[in-house]
Amino acid sequence: MPKESKQVNWRAWIVGALAAVALIVALQNSQEVRVDVLFLTVNAPLIVILLAAVAVGAAIGYAAPVLLRHRRGERRPAEQK
């Protein structure tokens, strides 16, 4: 009698592994740090600062191509005249 192989849910394993890594990084970077940005001084856990930096980078990485695509779309009709 052939055995049925059960499919592995790789997405769940990957999400679980990423959550575990995020938890380890958060626990290792929980010390308070002082950050000076222009005229603003912030005391916060390092993980919060890291997450804020990642969020700003992701926002720029998402917005830049969208804005460039939008600007290219505005230029093309003017060039066709």
PDB file of N, CA and C in Angstrom:
ATOM      1  N   MET A   1       0.838  -1.170   0.000  1.00  0.00           N
ATOM      2  CA  MET A   1       0.000   0.000   0.000  1.00  0.00           C
ATOM      3  C   MET A   1       0.896   1.250   0.000  1.00  0.00           C
ATOM      4  N   PRO A   2       0.793   2.125  -1.026  1.00  0.00           N
ATOM      5  CA  PRO A   2       1.657   3.314  -1.085  1.00  0.00           C
ATOM      6  C   PRO A   2       1.281   4.323   0.002  1.00  0.00           C
ATOM      7  N   LYS A   3       2.322   4.931   0.560  1.00  0.00           N
ATOM      8  CA  LYS A   3       2.116   5.967   1.564  1.00  0.00           C
ATOM      9  C   LYS A   3       1.864   7.301   0.878  1.00  0.00           C
ATOM     10  N   GLU A   4       0.906   8.046   1.406  1.00  0.00           N
ATOM     11  CA  GLU A   4       0.659   9.386   0.888  1.00  0.00           C
ATOM     12  C   GLU A   4       1.623  10.347   1.564  1.00  0.00           C
ATOM     13  N   SER A   5       2.338  11.119   0.754  1.00  0.00           N
ATOM     14  CA  SER A   5       3.261  12.090   1.347  1.00  0.00           C
ATOM     15  C   SER A   5       2.502  13.381   1.635  1.00  0.00           C
ATOM     16  N   LYS A   6       2.655  13.838   2.838  1.00  0.00           N
ATOM     17  CA  LYS A   6       1.993  15.077   3.239  1.00  0.00           C
ATOM     18  C   LYS A   6       2.858  16.250   2.799  1.00  0.00           C
ATOM     19  N   GLN A   7       2.245  17.231   2.145  1.00  0.00           N
ATOM     20  CA  GLN A   7       3.000  18.394   1.683  1.00  0.00           C
ATOM     21  C   GLN A   7       3.394  19.270   2.858  1.00  0.00           C
ATOM     22  N   VAL A   8       4.604  19.778   2.787  1.00  0.00           N
ATOM     23  CA  VAL A   8       5.115  20.664   3.826  1.00  0.00           C
ATOM     24  C   VAL A   8       4.673  22.090   3.503  1.00  0.00           C
ATOM     25  N   ASN A   9       4.157  22.779   4.513  1.00  0.00           N
ATOM     26  CA  ASN A   9       3.740  24.155   4.336  1.00  0.00           C
ATOM     27  C   ASN A   9       4.963  25.059   4.540  1.00  0.00           C
ATOM     28  N   TRP A  10       5.697  25.312   3.452  1.00  0.00           N
ATOM     29  CA  TRP A  10       6.938  26.066   3.544  1.00  0.00           C
ATOM     30  C   TRP A  10       6.706  27.495   3.978  1.00  0.00           C
ATOM     31  N   ARG A  11       5.596  28.073   3.570  1.00  0.00           N
ATOM     32  CA  ARG A  11       5.311  29.459   3.941  1.00  0.00           C
ATOM     33  C   ARG A  11       5.230  29.604   5.457  1.00  0.00           C
ATOM     34  N   ALA A  12       4.579  28.671   6.124  1.00  0.00           N
ATOM     35  CA  ALA A  12       4.465  28.719   7.583  1.00  0.00           C
ATOM     36  C   ALA A  12       5.836  28.555   8.239  1.00  0.00           C
ATOM     37  N   TRP A  13       6.673  27.672   7.699  1.00  0.00           N
ATOM     38  CA  TRP A  13       8.018  27.484   8.247  1.00  0.00           C
ATOM     39  C   TRP A  13       8.858  28.749   8.074  1.00  0.00           C
ATOM     40  N   ILE A  14       8.760  29.373   6.919  1.00  0.00           N
ATOM     41  CA  ILE A  14       9.542  30.589   6.661  1.00  0.00           C
ATOM     42  C   ILE A  14       9.077  31.730   7.561  1.00  0.00           C
ATOM     43  N   VAL A  15       7.761  31.900   7.689  1.00  0.00           N
ATOM     44  CA  VAL A  15       7.228  32.944   8.565  1.00  0.00           C
ATOM     45  C   VAL A  15       7.648  32.678  10.007  1.00  0.00           C
ATOM     46  N   GLY A  16       7.594  31.436  10.445  1.00  0.00           N
ATOM     47  CA  GLY A  16       8.009  31.090  11.800  1.00  0.00           C
ATOM     48  C   GLY A  16       9.489  31.359  12.031  1.00  0.00           C
ATOM     49  N   ALA A  17      10.320  31.013  11.042  1.00  0.00           N
ATOM     50  CA  ALA A  17      11.762  31.251  11.165  1.00  0.00           C
ATOM     51  C   ALA A  17      12.059  32.747  11.203  1.00  0.00           C
ATOM     52  N   LEU A  18      11.396  33.528  10.357  1.00  0.00           N
ATOM     53  CA  LEU A  18      11.601  34.977  10.363  1.00  0.00           C
ATOM     54  C   LEU A  18      11.138  35.605  11.671  1.00  0.00           C
ATOM     55  N   ALA A  19      10.037  35.118  12.221  1.00  0.00           N
ATOM     56  CA  ALA A  19       9.555  35.618  13.509  1.00  0.00           C
ATOM     57  C   ALA A  19      10.549  35.291  14.618  1.00  0.00           C
ATOM     58  N   ALA A  20      11.126  34.097  14.579  1.00  0.00           N
ATOM     59  CA  ALA A  20      12.121  33.715  15.585  1.00  0.00           C
ATOM     60  C   ALA A  20      13.367  34.593  15.473  1.00  0.00           C
ATOM     61  N   VAL A  21      13.824  34.841  14.251  1.00  0.00           N
ATOM     62  CA  VAL A  21      14.994  35.705  14.051  1.00  0.00           C
ATOM     63  C   VAL A  21      14.687  37.128  14.525  1.00  0.00           C
ATOM     64  N   ALA A  22      13.500  37.635  14.211  1.00  0.00           N
ATOM     65  CA  ALA A  22      13.114  38.976  14.653  1.00  0.00           C
ATOM     66  C   ALA A  22      13.077  39.061  16.174  1.00  0.00           C
ATOM     67  N   LEU A  23      12.578  38.022  16.825  1.00  0.00           N
ATOM     68  CA  LEU A  23      12.531  38.002  18.285  1.00  0.00           C
ATOM     69  C   LEU A  23      13.939  37.991  18.873  1.00  0.00           C
ATOM     70  N   ILE A  24      14.830  37.200  18.308  1.00  0.00           N
ATOM     71  CA  ILE A  24      16.210  37.137  18.783  1.00  0.00           C
ATOM     72  C   ILE A  24      16.890  38.498  18.611  1.00  0.00           C
ATOM     73  N   VAL A  25      16.712  39.121  17.448  1.00  0.00           N
ATOM     74  CA  VAL A  25      17.313  40.434  17.197  1.00  0.00           C
ATOM     75  C   VAL A  25      16.747  41.467  18.166  1.00  0.00           C
ATOM     76  N   ALA A  26      15.443  41.425  18.407  1.00  0.00           N
ATOM     77  CA  ALA A  26      14.818  42.379  19.322  1.00  0.00           C
ATOM     78  C   ALA A  26      15.353  42.204  20.732  1.00  0.00           C
ATOM     79  N   LEU A  27      15.507  40.979  21.181  1.00  0.00           N
ATOM     80  CA  LEU A  27      16.007  40.737  22.534  1.00  0.00           C
ATOM     81  C   LEU A  27      17.474  41.132  22.668  1.00  0.00           C
ATOM     82  N   GLN A  28      18.256  40.964  21.619  1.00  0.00           N
ATOM     83  CA  GLN A  28      19.670  41.315  21.679  1.00  0.00           C
ATOM     84  C   GLN A  28      19.899  42.825  21.554  1.00  0.00           C
ATOM     85  N   ASN A  29      18.930  43.541  21.032  1.00  0.00           N
ATOM     86  CA  ASN A  29      19.082  44.982  20.817  1.00  0.00           C
ATOM     87  C   ASN A  29      18.085  45.784  21.636  1.00  0.00           C
ATOM     88  N   SER A  30      17.914  45.398  22.882  1.00  0.00           N
ATOM     89  CA  SER A  30      16.919  46.072  23.717  1.00  0.00           C
ATOM     90  C   SER A  30      17.521  47.204  24.550  1.00  0.00           C
ATOM     91  N   GLN A  31      18.841  47.422  24.479  1.00  0.00           N
ATOM     92  CA  GLN A  31      19.444  48.471  25.281  1.00  0.00           C
ATOM     93  C   GLN A  31      19.015  49.857  24.781  1.00  0.00           C
ATOM     94  N   GLU A  32      18.965  50.805  25.698  1.00  0.00           N
ATOM     95  CA  GLU A  32      18.596  52.176  25.357  1.00  0.00           C
ATOM     96  C   GLU A  32      19.764  52.856  24.650  1.00  0.00           C
ATOM     97  N   VAL A  33      19.456  53.602  23.612  1.00  0.00           N
ATOM     98  CA  VAL A  33      20.469  54.369  22.902  1.00  0.00           C
ATOM     99  C   VAL A  33      19.964  55.794  22.713  1.00  0.00           C
ATOM    100  N   ARG A  34      20.900  56.702  22.559  1.00  0.00           N
ATOM    101  CA  ARG A  34      20.556  58.106  22.306  1.00  0.00           C
ATOM    102  C   ARG A  34      20.837  58.389  20.838  1.00  0.00           C
ATOM    103  N   VAL A  35      19.850  58.946  20.146  1.00  0.00           N
ATOM    104  CA  VAL A  35      19.993  59.247  18.727  1.00  0.00           C
ATOM    105  C   VAL A  35      19.742  60.735  18.537  1.00  0.00           C
ATOM    106  N   ASP A  36      20.676  61.420  17.886  1.00  0.00           N
ATOM    107  CA  ASP A  36      20.537  62.841  17.567  1.00  0.00           C
ATOM    108  C   ASP A  36      20.284  62.975  16.070  1.00  0.00           C
ATOM    109  N   VAL A  37      19.132  63.538  15.721  1.00  0.00           N
ATOM    110  CA  VAL A  37      18.779  63.783  14.325  1.00  0.00           C
ATOM    111  C   VAL A  37      18.428  65.255  14.199  1.00  0.00           C
ATOM    112  N   LEU A  38      19.284  65.989  13.510  1.00  0.00           N
ATOM    113  CA  LEU A  38      19.145  67.440  13.368  1.00  0.00           C
ATOM    114  C   LEU A  38      18.992  68.083  14.741  1.00  0.00           C
ATOM    115  N   PHE A  39      17.832  68.637  15.049  1.00  0.00           N
ATOM    116  CA  PHE A  39      17.622  69.301  16.331  1.00  0.00           C
ATOM    117  C   PHE A  39      16.870  68.418  17.319  1.00  0.00           C
ATOM    118  N   LEU A  40      16.646  67.167  16.990  1.00  0.00           N
ATOM    119  CA  LEU A  40      15.861  66.247  17.809  1.00  0.00           C
ATOM    120  C   LEU A  40      16.774  65.221  18.464  1.00  0.00           C
ATOM    121  N   THR A  41      16.598  65.013  19.767  1.00  0.00           N
ATOM    122  CA  THR A  41      17.337  63.984  20.501  1.00  0.00           C
ATOM    123  C   THR A  41      16.326  62.985  21.051  1.00  0.00           C
ATOM    124  N   VAL A  42      16.558  61.697  20.758  1.00  0.00           N
ATOM    125  CA  VAL A  42      15.623  60.645  21.156  1.00  0.00           C
ATOM    126  C   VAL A  42      16.379  59.578  21.940  1.00  0.00           C
ATOM    127  N   ASN A  43      15.834  59.173  23.082  1.00  0.00           N
ATOM    128  CA  ASN A  43      16.328  58.011  23.811  1.00  0.00           C
ATOM    129  C   ASN A  43      15.310  56.897  23.615  1.00  0.00           C
ATOM    130  N   ALA A  44      15.729  55.799  22.999  1.00  0.00           N
ATOM    131  CA  ALA A  44      14.811  54.705  22.703  1.00  0.00           C
ATOM    132  C   ALA A  44      15.594  53.407  22.638  1.00  0.00           C
ATOM    133  N   PRO A  45      14.893  52.274  22.770  1.00  0.00           N
ATOM    134  CA  PRO A  45      15.575  50.984  22.576  1.00  0.00           C
ATOM    135  C   PRO A  45      16.128  50.890  21.152  1.00  0.00           C
ATOM    136  N   LEU A  46      17.265  50.266  21.019  1.00  0.00           N
ATOM    137  CA  LEU A  46      17.923  50.166  19.721  1.00  0.00           C
ATOM    138  C   LEU A  46      17.029  49.498  18.679  1.00  0.00           C
ATOM    139  N   ILE A  47      16.266  48.505  19.073  1.00  0.00           N
ATOM    140  CA  ILE A  47      15.402  47.821  18.103  1.00  0.00           C
ATOM    141  C   ILE A  47      14.362  48.766  17.510  1.00  0.00           C
ATOM    142  N   VAL A  48      13.871  49.711  18.312  1.00  0.00           N
ATOM    143  CA  VAL A  48      12.901  50.690  17.803  1.00  0.00           C
ATOM    144  C   VAL A  48      13.564  51.578  16.761  1.00  0.00           C
ATOM    145  N   ILE A  49      14.778  51.998  17.039  1.00  0.00           N
ATOM    146  CA  ILE A  49      15.515  52.829  16.089  1.00  0.00           C
ATOM    147  C   ILE A  49      15.793  52.050  14.804  1.00  0.00           C
ATOM    148  N   LEU A  50      16.181  50.790  14.943  1.00  0.00           N
ATOM    149  CA  LEU A  50      16.434  49.954  13.763  1.00  0.00           C
ATOM    150  C   LEU A  50      15.169  49.760  12.932  1.00  0.00           C
ATOM    151  N   LEU A  51      14.049  49.485  13.600  1.00  0.00           N
ATOM    152  CA  LEU A  51      12.786  49.312  12.878  1.00  0.00           C
ATOM    153  C   LEU A  51      12.348  50.603  12.189  1.00  0.00           C
ATOM    154  N   ALA A  52      12.571  51.741  12.839  1.00  0.00           N
ATOM    155  CA  ALA A  52      12.234  53.021  12.217  1.00  0.00           C
ATOM    156  C   ALA A  52      13.094  53.247  10.978  1.00  0.00           C
ATOM    157  N   ALA A  53      14.384  52.924  11.061  1.00  0.00           N
ATOM    158  CA  ALA A  53      15.270  53.081   9.910  1.00  0.00           C
ATOM    159  C   ALA A  53      14.851  52.163   8.761  1.00  0.00           C
ATOM    160  N   VAL A  54      14.475  50.934   9.090  1.00  0.00           N
ATOM    161  CA  VAL A  54      14.005  49.996   8.065  1.00  0.00           C
ATOM    162  C   VAL A  54      12.712  50.506   7.428  1.00  0.00           C
ATOM    163  N   ALA A  55      11.804  51.046   8.247  1.00  0.00           N
ATOM    164  CA  ALA A  55      10.537  51.562   7.722  1.00  0.00           C
ATOM    165  C   ALA A  55      10.778  52.749   6.790  1.00  0.00           C
ATOM    166  N   VAL A  56      11.673  53.651   7.175  1.00  0.00           N
ATOM    167  CA  VAL A  56      11.987  54.794   6.308  1.00  0.00           C
ATOM    168  C   VAL A  56      12.619  54.313   5.008  1.00  0.00           C
ATOM    169  N   GLY A  57      13.543  53.363   5.091  1.00  0.00           N
ATOM    170  CA  GLY A  57      14.165  52.817   3.888  1.00  0.00           C
ATOM    171  C   GLY A  57      13.161  52.119   2.983  1.00  0.00           C
ATOM    172  N   ALA A  58      12.242  51.366   3.573  1.00  0.00           N
ATOM    173  CA  ALA A  58      11.213  50.682   2.776  1.00  0.00           C
ATOM    174  C   ALA A  58      10.290  51.691   2.113  1.00  0.00           C
ATOM    175  N   ALA A  59       9.939  52.752   2.834  1.00  0.00           N
ATOM    176  CA  ALA A  59       9.067  53.783   2.260  1.00  0.00           C
ATOM    177  C   ALA A  59       9.747  54.476   1.090  1.00  0.00           C
ATOM    178  N   ILE A  60      11.023  54.789   1.236  1.00  0.00           N
ATOM    179  CA  ILE A  60      11.765  55.419   0.136  1.00  0.00           C
ATOM    180  C   ILE A  60      11.903  54.445  -1.028  1.00  0.00           C
ATOM    181  N   GLY A  61      12.199  53.178  -0.719  1.00  0.00           N
ATOM    182  CA  GLY A  61      12.338  52.172  -1.767  1.00  0.00           C
ATOM    183  C   GLY A  61      11.053  51.921  -2.528  1.00  0.00           C
ATOM    184  N   TYR A  62       9.922  52.111  -1.870  1.00  0.00           N
ATOM    185  CA  TYR A  62       8.629  51.941  -2.535  1.00  0.00           C
ATOM    186  C   TYR A  62       8.230  53.208  -3.285  1.00  0.00           C
ATOM    187  N   ALA A  63       8.423  54.377  -2.642  1.00  0.00           N
ATOM    188  CA  ALA A  63       7.934  55.631  -3.205  1.00  0.00           C
ATOM    189  C   ALA A  63       8.760  56.110  -4.393  1.00  0.00           C
ATOM    190  N   ALA A  64      10.061  55.914  -4.361  1.00  0.00           N
ATOM    191  CA  ALA A  64      10.909  56.432  -5.432  1.00  0.00           C
ATOM    192  C   ALA A  64      10.517  55.887  -6.811  1.00  0.00           C
ATOM    193  N   PRO A  65      10.381  54.565  -6.980  1.00  0.00           N
ATOM    194  CA  PRO A  65       9.981  54.075  -8.309  1.00  0.00           C
ATOM    195  C   PRO A  65       8.580  54.530  -8.718  1.00  0.00           C
ATOM    196  N   VAL A  66       7.665  54.622  -7.749  1.00  0.00           N
ATOM    197  CA  VAL A  66       6.309  55.070  -8.064  1.00  0.00           C
ATOM    198  C   VAL A  66       6.335  56.510  -8.546  1.00  0.00           C
ATOM    199  N   LEU A  67       7.081  57.366  -7.850  1.00  0.00           N
ATOM    200  CA  LEU A  67       7.169  58.761  -8.262  1.00  0.00           C
ATOM    201  C   LEU A  67       7.878  58.914  -9.596  1.00  0.00           C
ATOM    202  N   LEU A  68       8.948  58.148  -9.815  1.00  0.00           N
ATOM    203  CA  LEU A  68       9.644  58.226 -11.094  1.00  0.00           C
ATOM    204  C   LEU A  68       8.759  57.746 -12.238  1.00  0.00           C
ATOM    205  N   ARG A  69       8.001  56.687 -12.013  1.00  0.00           N
ATOM    206  CA  ARG A  69       7.091  56.185 -13.034  1.00  0.00           C
ATOM    207  C   ARG A  69       6.028  57.234 -13.338  1.00  0.00           C
ATOM    208  N   HIS A  70       5.530  57.905 -12.299  1.00  0.00           N
ATOM    209  CA  HIS A  70       4.513  58.936 -12.467  1.00  0.00           C
ATOM    210  C   HIS A  70       5.078  60.107 -13.267  1.00  0.00           C
ATOM    211  N   ARG A  71       6.297  60.509 -12.949  1.00  0.00           N
ATOM    212  CA  ARG A  71       6.908  61.636 -13.660  1.00  0.00           C
ATOM    213  C   ARG A  71       7.189  61.284 -15.118  1.00  0.00           C
ATOM    214  N   ARG A  72       7.610  60.050 -15.390  1.00  0.00           N
ATOM    215  CA  ARG A  72       7.841  59.640 -16.773  1.00  0.00           C
ATOM    216  C   ARG A  72       6.542  59.657 -17.558  1.00  0.00           C
ATOM    217  N   GLY A  73       5.448  59.276 -16.910  1.00  0.00           N
ATOM    218  CA  GLY A  73       4.148  59.286 -17.572  1.00  0.00           C
ATOM    219  C   GLY A  73       3.700  60.693 -17.920  1.00  0.00           C
ATOM    220  N   GLU A  74       4.071  61.681 -17.107  1.00  0.00           N
ATOM    221  CA  GLU A  74       3.696  63.058 -17.389  1.00  0.00           C
ATOM    222  C   GLU A  74       4.527  63.637 -18.531  1.00  0.00           C
ATOM    223  N   ARG A  75       5.782  63.206 -18.681  1.00  0.00           N
ATOM    224  CA  ARG A  75       6.662  63.751 -19.710  1.00  0.00           C
ATOM    225  C   ARG A  75       6.342  63.212 -21.089  1.00  0.00           C
ATOM    226  N   ARG A  76       5.935  61.988 -21.196  1.00  0.00           N
ATOM    227  CA  ARG A  76       5.732  61.359 -22.511  1.00  0.00           C
ATOM    228  C   ARG A  76       4.705  62.091 -23.391  1.00  0.00           C
ATOM    229  N   PRO A  77       3.536  62.454 -22.873  1.00  0.00           N
ATOM    230  CA  PRO A  77       2.612  63.176 -23.766  1.00  0.00           C
ATOM    231  C   PRO A  77       3.199  64.508 -24.272  1.00  0.00           C
ATOM    232  N   ALA A  78       3.981  65.182 -23.468  1.00  0.00           N
ATOM    233  CA  ALA A  78       4.583  66.462 -23.894  1.00  0.00           C
ATOM    234  C   ALA A  78       5.621  66.210 -24.972  1.00  0.00           C
ATOM    235  N   GLU A  79       6.341  65.094 -24.900  1.00  0.00           N
ATOM    236  CA  GLU A  79       7.362  64.792 -25.906  1.00  0.00           C
ATOM    237  C   GLU A  79       6.747  64.394 -27.232  1.00  0.00           C
ATOM    238  N   GLN A  80       5.514  63.895 -27.231  1.00  0.00           N
ATOM    239  CA  GLN A  80       4.875  63.426 -28.469  1.00  0.00           C
ATOM    240  C   GLN A  80       4.313  64.572 -29.300  1.00  0.00           C
ATOM    241  N   LYS A  81       4.201  65.766 -28.766  1.00  0.00           N
ATOM    242  CA  LYS A  81       3.644  66.900 -29.504  1.00  0.00           C
ATOM    243  C   LYS A  81       4.580  67.418 -30.571  1.00  0.00           C
TER     244      LYS A  81
END
